[in-house]
mmCIF file of all heavy atoms, coordinates in Angstrom:
data_MODEL
# 
_entry.id   MODEL 
# 
loop_
_atom_site.group_PDB 
_atom_site.id 
_atom_site.type_symbol 
_atom_site.label_atom_id 
_atom_site.label_alt_id 
_atom_site.label_comp_id 
_atom_site.label_asym_id 
_atom_site.label_entity_id 
_atom_site.label_seq_id 
_atom_site.pdbx_PDB_ins_code 
_atom_site.Cartn_x 
_atom_site.Cartn_y 
_atom_site.Cartn_z 
_atom_site.occupancy 
_atom_site.B_iso_or_equiv 
_atom_site.pdbx_formal_charge 
_atom_site.auth_seq_id 
_atom_site.auth_comp_id 
_atom_site.auth_asym_id 
_atom_site.auth_atom_id 
_atom_site.pdbx_PDB_model_num 
ATOM 1   N N   . MET A 1 1  ? 328.020 286.920 57.199 1.00 0.00 ? 1  MET A N   1 
ATOM 2   C CA  . MET A 1 1  ? 326.835 287.767 57.081 1.00 0.00 ? 1  MET A CA  1 
ATOM 3   C C   . MET A 1 1  ? 327.199 289.240 57.320 1.00 0.00 ? 1  MET A C   1 
ATOM 4   O O   . MET A 1 1  ? 326.675 290.137 56.646 1.00 0.00 ? 1  MET A O   1 
ATOM 5   C CB  . MET A 1 1  ? 325.768 287.326 58.090 1.00 0.00 ? 1  MET A CB  1 
ATOM 6   C CG  . MET A 1 1  ? 325.176 285.938 57.828 1.00 0.00 ? 1  MET A CG  1 
ATOM 7   S SD  . MET A 1 1  ? 324.271 285.791 56.250 1.00 0.00 ? 1  MET A SD  1 
ATOM 8   C CE  . MET A 1 1  ? 325.487 284.882 55.258 1.00 0.00 ? 1  MET A CE  1 
ATOM 9   N N   . ALA A 1 2  ? 328.103 289.485 58.265 1.00 0.00 ? 2  ALA A N   1 
ATOM 10  C CA  . ALA A 1 2  ? 328.528 290.858 58.540 1.00 0.00 ? 2  ALA A CA  1 
ATOM 11  C C   . ALA A 1 2  ? 329.256 291.442 57.331 1.00 0.00 ? 2  ALA A C   1 
ATOM 12  O O   . ALA A 1 2  ? 329.074 292.619 56.988 1.00 0.00 ? 2  ALA A O   1 
ATOM 13  C CB  . ALA A 1 2  ? 329.416 290.890 59.775 1.00 0.00 ? 2  ALA A CB  1 
ATOM 14  N N   . GLN A 1 3  ? 330.076 290.610 56.677 1.00 0.00 ? 3  GLN A N   1 
ATOM 15  C CA  . GLN A 1 3  ? 330.764 291.073 55.477 1.00 0.00 ? 3  GLN A CA  1 
ATOM 16  C C   . GLN A 1 3  ? 329.784 291.389 54.355 1.00 0.00 ? 3  GLN A C   1 
ATOM 17  O O   . GLN A 1 3  ? 330.022 292.280 53.538 1.00 0.00 ? 3  GLN A O   1 
ATOM 18  C CB  . GLN A 1 3  ? 331.777 290.015 55.008 1.00 0.00 ? 3  GLN A CB  1 
ATOM 19  C CG  . GLN A 1 3  ? 332.962 289.828 55.928 1.00 0.00 ? 3  GLN A CG  1 
ATOM 20  C CD  . GLN A 1 3  ? 333.953 288.794 55.397 1.00 0.00 ? 3  GLN A CD  1 
ATOM 21  O OE1 . GLN A 1 3  ? 333.790 288.259 54.285 1.00 0.00 ? 3  GLN A OE1 1 
ATOM 22  N NE2 . GLN A 1 3  ? 334.987 288.511 56.176 1.00 0.00 ? 3  GLN A NE2 1 
ATOM 23  N N   . GLU A 1 4  ? 328.678 290.656 54.322 1.00 0.00 ? 4  GLU A N   1 
ATOM 24  C CA  . GLU A 1 4  ? 327.664 290.875 53.291 1.00 0.00 ? 4  GLU A CA  1 
ATOM 25  C C   . GLU A 1 4  ? 326.696 291.985 53.674 1.00 0.00 ? 4  GLU A C   1 
ATOM 26  O O   . GLU A 1 4  ? 325.826 292.358 52.887 1.00 0.00 ? 4  GLU A O   1 
ATOM 27  C CB  . GLU A 1 4  ? 326.869 289.580 53.061 1.00 0.00 ? 4  GLU A CB  1 
ATOM 28  C CG  . GLU A 1 4  ? 327.684 288.436 52.479 1.00 0.00 ? 4  GLU A CG  1 
ATOM 29  C CD  . GLU A 1 4  ? 328.066 288.677 51.027 1.00 0.00 ? 4  GLU A CD  1 
ATOM 30  O OE1 . GLU A 1 4  ? 327.213 289.175 50.273 1.00 0.00 ? 4  GLU A OE1 1 
ATOM 31  O OE2 . GLU A 1 4  ? 329.220 288.378 50.664 1.00 0.00 ? 4  GLU A OE2 1 
ATOM 32  N N   . GLY A 1 5  ? 326.832 292.507 54.897 1.00 0.00 ? 5  GLY A N   1 
ATOM 33  C CA  . GLY A 1 5  ? 325.936 293.557 55.356 1.00 0.00 ? 5  GLY A CA  1 
ATOM 34  C C   . GLY A 1 5  ? 324.533 293.067 55.627 1.00 0.00 ? 5  GLY A C   1 
ATOM 35  O O   . GLY A 1 5  ? 323.556 293.804 55.476 1.00 0.00 ? 5  GLY A O   1 
ATOM 36  N N   . VAL A 1 6  ? 324.412 291.796 56.055 1.00 0.00 ? 6  VAL A N   1 
ATOM 37  C CA  . VAL A 1 6  ? 323.112 291.172 56.291 1.00 0.00 ? 6  VAL A CA  1 
ATOM 38  C C   . VAL A 1 6  ? 322.896 290.986 57.792 1.00 0.00 ? 6  VAL A C   1 
ATOM 39  O O   . VAL A 1 6  ? 323.751 290.439 58.494 1.00 0.00 ? 6  VAL A O   1 
ATOM 40  C CB  . VAL A 1 6  ? 323.017 289.808 55.572 1.00 0.00 ? 6  VAL A CB  1 
ATOM 41  C CG1 . VAL A 1 6  ? 321.707 289.106 55.909 1.00 0.00 ? 6  VAL A CG1 1 
ATOM 42  C CG2 . VAL A 1 6  ? 323.160 289.987 54.069 1.00 0.00 ? 6  VAL A CG2 1 
ATOM 43  N N   . SER A 1 7  ? 321.758 291.425 58.288 1.00 0.00 ? 7  SER A N   1 
ATOM 44  C CA  . SER A 1 7  ? 321.425 291.262 59.702 1.00 0.00 ? 7  SER A CA  1 
ATOM 45  C C   . SER A 1 7  ? 320.709 289.926 59.920 1.00 0.00 ? 7  SER A C   1 
ATOM 46  O O   . SER A 1 7  ? 319.795 289.574 59.172 1.00 0.00 ? 7  SER A O   1 
ATOM 47  C CB  . SER A 1 7  ? 320.517 292.403 60.170 1.00 0.00 ? 7  SER A CB  1 
ATOM 48  O OG  . SER A 1 7  ? 320.053 292.161 61.492 1.00 0.00 ? 7  SER A OG  1 
ATOM 49  N N   . VAL A 1 8  ? 321.129 289.203 60.950 1.00 0.00 ? 8  VAL A N   1 
ATOM 50  C CA  . VAL A 1 8  ? 320.517 287.897 61.261 1.00 0.00 ? 8  VAL A CA  1 
ATOM 51  C C   . VAL A 1 8  ? 319.723 287.963 62.557 1.00 0.00 ? 8  VAL A C   1 
ATOM 52  O O   . VAL A 1 8  ? 319.362 286.937 63.125 1.00 0.00 ? 8  VAL A O   1 
ATOM 53  C CB  . VAL A 1 8  ? 321.605 286.804 61.363 1.00 0.00 ? 8  VAL A CB  1 
ATOM 54  C CG1 . VAL A 1 8  ? 322.363 286.668 60.055 1.00 0.00 ? 8  VAL A CG1 1 
ATOM 55  C CG2 . VAL A 1 8  ? 322.571 287.109 62.515 1.00 0.00 ? 8  VAL A CG2 1 
ATOM 56  N N   . SER A 1 9  ? 319.446 289.164 63.029 1.00 0.00 ? 9  SER A N   1 
ATOM 57  C CA  . SER A 1 9  ? 318.809 289.337 64.339 1.00 0.00 ? 9  SER A CA  1 
ATOM 58  C C   . SER A 1 9  ? 317.419 288.707 64.423 1.00 0.00 ? 9  SER A C   1 
ATOM 59  O O   . SER A 1 9  ? 316.990 288.296 65.500 1.00 0.00 ? 9  SER A O   1 
ATOM 60  C CB  . SER A 1 9  ? 318.719 290.828 64.684 1.00 0.00 ? 9  SER A CB  1 
ATOM 61  O OG  . SER A 1 9  ? 317.987 291.526 63.695 1.00 0.00 ? 9  SER A OG  1 
ATOM 62  N N   . SER A 1 10 ? 316.714 288.606 63.290 1.00 0.00 ? 10 SER A N   1 
ATOM 63  C CA  . SER A 1 10 ? 315.345 288.076 63.330 1.00 0.00 ? 10 SER A CA  1 
ATOM 64  C C   . SER A 1 10 ? 315.288 286.621 63.775 1.00 0.00 ? 10 SER A C   1 
ATOM 65  O O   . SER A 1 10 ? 314.286 286.167 64.324 1.00 0.00 ? 10 SER A O   1 
ATOM 66  C CB  . SER A 1 10 ? 314.682 288.225 61.959 1.00 0.00 ? 10 SER A CB  1 
ATOM 67  O OG  . SER A 1 10 ? 315.395 287.502 60.969 1.00 0.00 ? 10 SER A OG  1 
ATOM 68  N N   . LEU A 1 11 ? 316.361 285.875 63.530 1.00 0.00 ? 11 LEU A N   1 
ATOM 69  C CA  . LEU A 1 11 ? 316.385 284.463 63.933 1.00 0.00 ? 11 LEU A CA  1 
ATOM 70  C C   . LEU A 1 11 ? 317.534 284.165 64.895 1.00 0.00 ? 11 LEU A C   1 
ATOM 71  O O   . LEU A 1 11 ? 317.916 283.000 65.070 1.00 0.00 ? 11 LEU A O   1 
ATOM 72  C CB  . LEU A 1 11 ? 316.511 283.559 62.688 1.00 0.00 ? 11 LEU A CB  1 
ATOM 73  C CG  . LEU A 1 11 ? 315.337 283.575 61.711 1.00 0.00 ? 11 LEU A CG  1 
ATOM 74  C CD1 . LEU A 1 11 ? 315.625 282.674 60.510 1.00 0.00 ? 11 LEU A CD1 1 
ATOM 75  C CD2 . LEU A 1 11 ? 314.052 283.128 62.392 1.00 0.00 ? 11 LEU A CD2 1 
ATOM 76  N N   . GLN A 1 12 ? 318.054 285.204 65.534 1.00 0.00 ? 12 GLN A N   1 
ATOM 77  C CA  . GLN A 1 12 ? 319.194 285.009 66.425 1.00 0.00 ? 12 GLN A CA  1 
ATOM 78  C C   . GLN A 1 12 ? 318.851 284.094 67.598 1.00 0.00 ? 12 GLN A C   1 
ATOM 79  O O   . GLN A 1 12 ? 319.643 283.228 67.984 1.00 0.00 ? 12 GLN A O   1 
ATOM 80  C CB  . GLN A 1 12 ? 319.692 286.358 66.935 1.00 0.00 ? 12 GLN A CB  1 
ATOM 81  C CG  . GLN A 1 12 ? 320.977 286.263 67.748 1.00 0.00 ? 12 GLN A CG  1 
ATOM 82  C CD  . GLN A 1 12 ? 321.549 287.623 68.070 1.00 0.00 ? 12 GLN A CD  1 
ATOM 83  O OE1 . GLN A 1 12 ? 320.970 288.651 67.713 1.00 0.00 ? 12 GLN A OE1 1 
ATOM 84  N NE2 . GLN A 1 12 ? 322.677 287.651 68.736 1.00 0.00 ? 12 GLN A NE2 1 
ATOM 85  N N   . ALA A 1 13 ? 317.653 284.282 68.153 1.00 0.00 ? 13 ALA A N   1 
ATOM 86  C CA  . ALA A 1 13 ? 317.248 283.453 69.299 1.00 0.00 ? 13 ALA A CA  1 
ATOM 87  C C   . ALA A 1 13 ? 317.152 281.983 68.901 1.00 0.00 ? 13 ALA A C   1 
ATOM 88  O O   . ALA A 1 13 ? 317.562 281.088 69.655 1.00 0.00 ? 13 ALA A O   1 
ATOM 89  C CB  . ALA A 1 13 ? 315.913 283.940 69.848 1.00 0.00 ? 13 ALA A CB  1 
ATOM 90  N N   . ASP A 1 14 ? 316.615 281.720 67.696 1.00 0.00 ? 14 ASP A N   1 
ATOM 91  C CA  . ASP A 1 14 ? 316.520 280.337 67.217 1.00 0.00 ? 14 ASP A CA  1 
ATOM 92  C C   . ASP A 1 14 ? 317.904 279.734 67.019 1.00 0.00 ? 14 ASP A C   1 
ATOM 93  O O   . ASP A 1 14 ? 318.144 278.562 67.344 1.00 0.00 ? 14 ASP A O   1 
ATOM 94  C CB  . ASP A 1 14 ? 315.738 280.291 65.901 1.00 0.00 ? 14 ASP A CB  1 
ATOM 95  C CG  . ASP A 1 14 ? 314.283 280.676 66.083 1.00 0.00 ? 14 ASP A CG  1 
ATOM 96  O OD1 . ASP A 1 14 ? 313.519 279.855 66.603 1.00 0.00 ? 14 ASP A OD1 1 
ATOM 97  O OD2 . ASP A 1 14 ? 313.922 281.794 65.706 1.00 0.00 ? 14 ASP A OD2 1 
ATOM 98  N N   . GLY A 1 15 ? 318.810 280.542 66.476 1.00 0.00 ? 15 GLY A N   1 
ATOM 99  C CA  . GLY A 1 15 ? 320.169 280.063 66.269 1.00 0.00 ? 15 GLY A CA  1 
ATOM 100 C C   . GLY A 1 15 ? 320.862 279.706 67.566 1.00 0.00 ? 15 GLY A C   1 
ATOM 101 O O   . GLY A 1 15 ? 321.520 278.662 67.667 1.00 0.00 ? 15 GLY A O   1 
ATOM 102 N N   . GLU A 1 16 ? 320.702 280.567 68.582 1.00 0.00 ? 16 GLU A N   1 
ATOM 103 C CA  . GLU A 1 16 ? 321.331 280.294 69.878 1.00 0.00 ? 16 GLU A CA  1 
ATOM 104 C C   . GLU A 1 16 ? 320.736 279.051 70.519 1.00 0.00 ? 16 GLU A C   1 
ATOM 105 O O   . GLU A 1 16 ? 321.441 278.259 71.145 1.00 0.00 ? 16 GLU A O   1 
ATOM 106 C CB  . GLU A 1 16 ? 321.153 281.502 70.796 1.00 0.00 ? 16 GLU A CB  1 
ATOM 107 C CG  . GLU A 1 16 ? 321.931 282.736 70.368 1.00 0.00 ? 16 GLU A CG  1 
ATOM 108 C CD  . GLU A 1 16 ? 323.422 282.479 70.272 1.00 0.00 ? 16 GLU A CD  1 
ATOM 109 O OE1 . GLU A 1 16 ? 323.947 281.715 71.108 1.00 0.00 ? 16 GLU A OE1 1 
ATOM 110 O OE2 . GLU A 1 16 ? 324.055 283.031 69.361 1.00 0.00 ? 16 GLU A OE2 1 
ATOM 111 N N   . ARG A 1 17 ? 319.439 278.865 70.363 1.00 0.00 ? 17 ARG A N   1 
ATOM 112 C CA  . ARG A 1 17 ? 318.796 277.686 70.930 1.00 0.00 ? 17 ARG A CA  1 
ATOM 113 C C   . ARG A 1 17 ? 319.332 276.411 70.276 1.00 0.00 ? 17 ARG A C   1 
ATOM 114 O O   . ARG A 1 17 ? 319.632 275.427 70.972 1.00 0.00 ? 17 ARG A O   1 
ATOM 115 C CB  . ARG A 1 17 ? 317.277 277.768 70.733 1.00 0.00 ? 17 ARG A CB  1 
ATOM 116 C CG  . ARG A 1 17 ? 316.520 276.518 71.172 1.00 0.00 ? 17 ARG A CG  1 
ATOM 117 C CD  . ARG A 1 17 ? 315.027 276.696 71.007 1.00 0.00 ? 17 ARG A CD  1 
ATOM 118 N NE  . ARG A 1 17 ? 314.668 277.052 69.638 1.00 0.00 ? 17 ARG A NE  1 
ATOM 119 C CZ  . ARG A 1 17 ? 314.572 276.157 68.646 1.00 0.00 ? 17 ARG A CZ  1 
ATOM 120 N NH1 . ARG A 1 17 ? 314.834 274.872 68.879 1.00 0.00 ? 17 ARG A NH1 1 
ATOM 121 N NH2 . ARG A 1 17 ? 314.218 276.544 67.437 1.00 0.00 ? 17 ARG A NH2 1 
ATOM 122 N N   . LEU A 1 18 ? 319.469 276.428 68.963 1.00 0.00 ? 18 LEU A N   1 
ATOM 123 C CA  . LEU A 1 18 ? 319.969 275.250 68.251 1.00 0.00 ? 18 LEU A CA  1 
ATOM 124 C C   . LEU A 1 18 ? 321.426 274.986 68.594 1.00 0.00 ? 18 LEU A C   1 
ATOM 125 O O   . LEU A 1 18 ? 321.840 273.825 68.722 1.00 0.00 ? 18 LEU A O   1 
ATOM 126 C CB  . LEU A 1 18 ? 319.796 275.441 66.746 1.00 0.00 ? 18 LEU A CB  1 
ATOM 127 C CG  . LEU A 1 18 ? 318.341 275.427 66.241 1.00 0.00 ? 18 LEU A CG  1 
ATOM 128 C CD1 . LEU A 1 18 ? 318.261 275.875 64.786 1.00 0.00 ? 18 LEU A CD1 1 
ATOM 129 C CD2 . LEU A 1 18 ? 317.746 274.029 66.390 1.00 0.00 ? 18 LEU A CD2 1 
ATOM 130 N N   . ARG A 1 19 ? 322.205 276.034 68.742 1.00 0.00 ? 19 ARG A N   1 
ATOM 131 C CA  . ARG A 1 19 ? 323.608 275.854 69.153 1.00 0.00 ? 19 ARG A CA  1 
ATOM 132 C C   . ARG A 1 19 ? 323.676 275.204 70.533 1.00 0.00 ? 19 ARG A C   1 
ATOM 133 O O   . ARG A 1 19 ? 324.524 274.350 70.791 1.00 0.00 ? 19 ARG A O   1 
ATOM 134 C CB  . ARG A 1 19 ? 324.341 277.194 69.173 1.00 0.00 ? 19 ARG A CB  1 
ATOM 135 C CG  . ARG A 1 19 ? 324.713 277.736 67.804 1.00 0.00 ? 19 ARG A CG  1 
ATOM 136 C CD  . ARG A 1 19 ? 325.721 278.881 67.928 1.00 0.00 ? 19 ARG A CD  1 
ATOM 137 N NE  . ARG A 1 19 ? 325.946 279.509 66.645 1.00 0.00 ? 19 ARG A NE  1 
ATOM 138 C CZ  . ARG A 1 19 ? 325.290 280.568 66.204 1.00 0.00 ? 19 ARG A CZ  1 
ATOM 139 N NH1 . ARG A 1 19 ? 324.339 281.106 66.960 1.00 0.00 ? 19 ARG A NH1 1 
ATOM 140 N NH2 . ARG A 1 19 ? 325.552 281.094 65.027 1.00 0.00 ? 19 ARG A NH2 1 
ATOM 141 N N   . GLY A 1 20 ? 322.769 275.652 71.410 1.00 0.00 ? 20 GLY A N   1 
ATOM 142 C CA  . GLY A 1 20 ? 322.737 275.077 72.746 1.00 0.00 ? 20 GLY A CA  1 
ATOM 143 C C   . GLY A 1 20 ? 322.400 273.598 72.737 1.00 0.00 ? 20 GLY A C   1 
ATOM 144 O O   . GLY A 1 20 ? 322.745 272.871 73.664 1.00 0.00 ? 20 GLY A O   1 
ATOM 145 N N   . GLU A 1 21 ? 321.737 273.149 71.686 1.00 0.00 ? 21 GLU A N   1 
ATOM 146 C CA  . GLU A 1 21 ? 321.388 271.736 71.546 1.00 0.00 ? 21 GLU A CA  1 
ATOM 147 C C   . GLU A 1 21 ? 322.481 270.957 70.812 1.00 0.00 ? 21 GLU A C   1 
ATOM 148 O O   . GLU A 1 21 ? 322.315 269.770 70.538 1.00 0.00 ? 21 GLU A O   1 
ATOM 149 C CB  . GLU A 1 21 ? 320.060 271.612 70.794 1.00 0.00 ? 21 GLU A CB  1 
ATOM 150 C CG  . GLU A 1 21 ? 318.878 272.208 71.554 1.00 0.00 ? 21 GLU A CG  1 
ATOM 151 C CD  . GLU A 1 21 ? 317.606 272.256 70.721 1.00 0.00 ? 21 GLU A CD  1 
ATOM 152 O OE1 . GLU A 1 21 ? 317.672 271.861 69.527 1.00 0.00 ? 21 GLU A OE1 1 
ATOM 153 O OE2 . GLU A 1 21 ? 316.561 272.686 71.248 1.00 0.00 ? 21 GLU A OE2 1 
ATOM 154 N N   . GLY A 1 22 ? 323.582 271.654 70.468 1.00 0.00 ? 22 GLY A N   1 
ATOM 155 C CA  . GLY A 1 22 ? 324.716 270.973 69.845 1.00 0.00 ? 22 GLY A CA  1 
ATOM 156 C C   . GLY A 1 22 ? 324.754 271.022 68.336 1.00 0.00 ? 22 GLY A C   1 
ATOM 157 O O   . GLY A 1 22 ? 325.560 270.324 67.724 1.00 0.00 ? 22 GLY A O   1 
ATOM 158 N N   . ALA A 1 23 ? 323.919 271.838 67.716 1.00 0.00 ? 23 ALA A N   1 
ATOM 159 C CA  . ALA A 1 23 ? 323.887 271.908 66.252 1.00 0.00 ? 23 ALA A CA  1 
ATOM 160 C C   . ALA A 1 23 ? 324.874 272.945 65.729 1.00 0.00 ? 23 ALA A C   1 
ATOM 161 O O   . ALA A 1 23 ? 325.225 273.907 66.417 1.00 0.00 ? 23 ALA A O   1 
ATOM 162 C CB  . ALA A 1 23 ? 322.475 272.256 65.777 1.00 0.00 ? 23 ALA A CB  1 
ATOM 163 N N   . SER A 1 24 ? 325.337 272.722 64.500 1.00 0.00 ? 24 SER A N   1 
ATOM 164 C CA  . SER A 1 24 ? 326.140 273.717 63.787 1.00 0.00 ? 24 SER A CA  1 
ATOM 165 C C   . SER A 1 24 ? 325.174 274.550 62.950 1.00 0.00 ? 24 SER A C   1 
ATOM 166 O O   . SER A 1 24 ? 324.332 273.996 62.231 1.00 0.00 ? 24 SER A O   1 
ATOM 167 C CB  . SER A 1 24 ? 327.177 273.041 62.883 1.00 0.00 ? 24 SER A CB  1 
ATOM 168 O OG  . SER A 1 24 ? 328.105 272.307 63.652 1.00 0.00 ? 24 SER A OG  1 
ATOM 169 N N   . ILE A 1 25 ? 325.290 275.870 63.051 1.00 0.00 ? 25 ILE A N   1 
ATOM 170 C CA  . ILE A 1 25 ? 324.340 276.776 62.400 1.00 0.00 ? 25 ILE A CA  1 
ATOM 171 C C   . ILE A 1 25 ? 324.988 277.487 61.224 1.00 0.00 ? 25 ILE A C   1 
ATOM 172 O O   . ILE A 1 25 ? 326.111 277.992 61.335 1.00 0.00 ? 25 ILE A O   1 
ATOM 173 C CB  . ILE A 1 25 ? 323.806 277.816 63.401 1.00 0.00 ? 25 ILE A CB  1 
ATOM 174 C CG1 . ILE A 1 25 ? 323.164 277.122 64.596 1.00 0.00 ? 25 ILE A CG1 1 
ATOM 175 C CG2 . ILE A 1 25 ? 322.801 278.743 62.725 1.00 0.00 ? 25 ILE A CG2 1 
ATOM 176 C CD1 . ILE A 1 25 ? 322.020 276.220 64.237 1.00 0.00 ? 25 ILE A CD1 1 
ATOM 177 N N   . MET A 1 26 ? 324.272 277.533 60.101 1.00 0.00 ? 26 MET A N   1 
ATOM 178 C CA  . MET A 1 26 ? 324.699 278.295 58.928 1.00 0.00 ? 26 MET A CA  1 
ATOM 179 C C   . MET A 1 26 ? 323.608 279.277 58.557 1.00 0.00 ? 26 MET A C   1 
ATOM 180 O O   . MET A 1 26 ? 322.423 278.945 58.626 1.00 0.00 ? 26 MET A O   1 
ATOM 181 C CB  . MET A 1 26 ? 324.998 277.353 57.763 1.00 0.00 ? 26 MET A CB  1 
ATOM 182 C CG  . MET A 1 26 ? 326.314 276.613 57.911 1.00 0.00 ? 26 MET A CG  1 
ATOM 183 S SD  . MET A 1 26 ? 326.371 275.126 56.909 1.00 0.00 ? 26 MET A SD  1 
ATOM 184 C CE  . MET A 1 26 ? 325.338 274.045 57.872 1.00 0.00 ? 26 MET A CE  1 
ATOM 185 N N   . HIS A 1 27 ? 324.018 280.471 58.166 1.00 0.00 ? 27 HIS A N   1 
ATOM 186 C CA  . HIS A 1 27 ? 323.086 281.514 57.773 1.00 0.00 ? 27 HIS A CA  1 
ATOM 187 C C   . HIS A 1 27 ? 323.106 281.653 56.251 1.00 0.00 ? 27 HIS A C   1 
ATOM 188 O O   . HIS A 1 27 ? 324.173 281.616 55.628 1.00 0.00 ? 27 HIS A O   1 
ATOM 189 C CB  . HIS A 1 27 ? 323.473 282.851 58.421 1.00 0.00 ? 27 HIS A CB  1 
ATOM 190 C CG  . HIS A 1 27 ? 323.533 282.796 59.913 1.00 0.00 ? 27 HIS A CG  1 
ATOM 191 N ND1 . HIS A 1 27 ? 324.610 282.241 60.591 1.00 0.00 ? 27 HIS A ND1 1 
ATOM 192 C CD2 . HIS A 1 27 ? 322.660 283.204 60.864 1.00 0.00 ? 27 HIS A CD2 1 
ATOM 193 C CE1 . HIS A 1 27 ? 324.397 282.332 61.891 1.00 0.00 ? 27 HIS A CE1 1 
ATOM 194 N NE2 . HIS A 1 27 ? 323.218 282.912 62.088 1.00 0.00 ? 27 HIS A NE2 1 
ATOM 195 N N   . LEU A 1 28 ? 321.935 281.848 55.669 1.00 0.00 ? 28 LEU A N   1 
ATOM 196 C CA  . LEU A 1 28 ? 321.825 281.996 54.220 1.00 0.00 ? 28 LEU A CA  1 
ATOM 197 C C   . LEU A 1 28 ? 321.315 283.393 53.890 1.00 0.00 ? 28 LEU A C   1 
ATOM 198 O O   . LEU A 1 28 ? 320.310 283.849 54.459 1.00 0.00 ? 28 LEU A O   1 
ATOM 199 C CB  . LEU A 1 28 ? 320.865 280.946 53.643 1.00 0.00 ? 28 LEU A CB  1 
ATOM 200 C CG  . LEU A 1 28 ? 320.588 281.052 52.140 1.00 0.00 ? 28 LEU A CG  1 
ATOM 201 C CD1 . LEU A 1 28 ? 321.847 280.732 51.338 1.00 0.00 ? 28 LEU A CD1 1 
ATOM 202 C CD2 . LEU A 1 28 ? 319.435 280.130 51.731 1.00 0.00 ? 28 LEU A CD2 1 
# 
């Protein structure tokens, strides 16, 4: 996402929560 110049901050909290539950996260 950084290479594409795309900010993921709007769902960063959701991503961290899912990671904490053991999920693998992908950004689109």
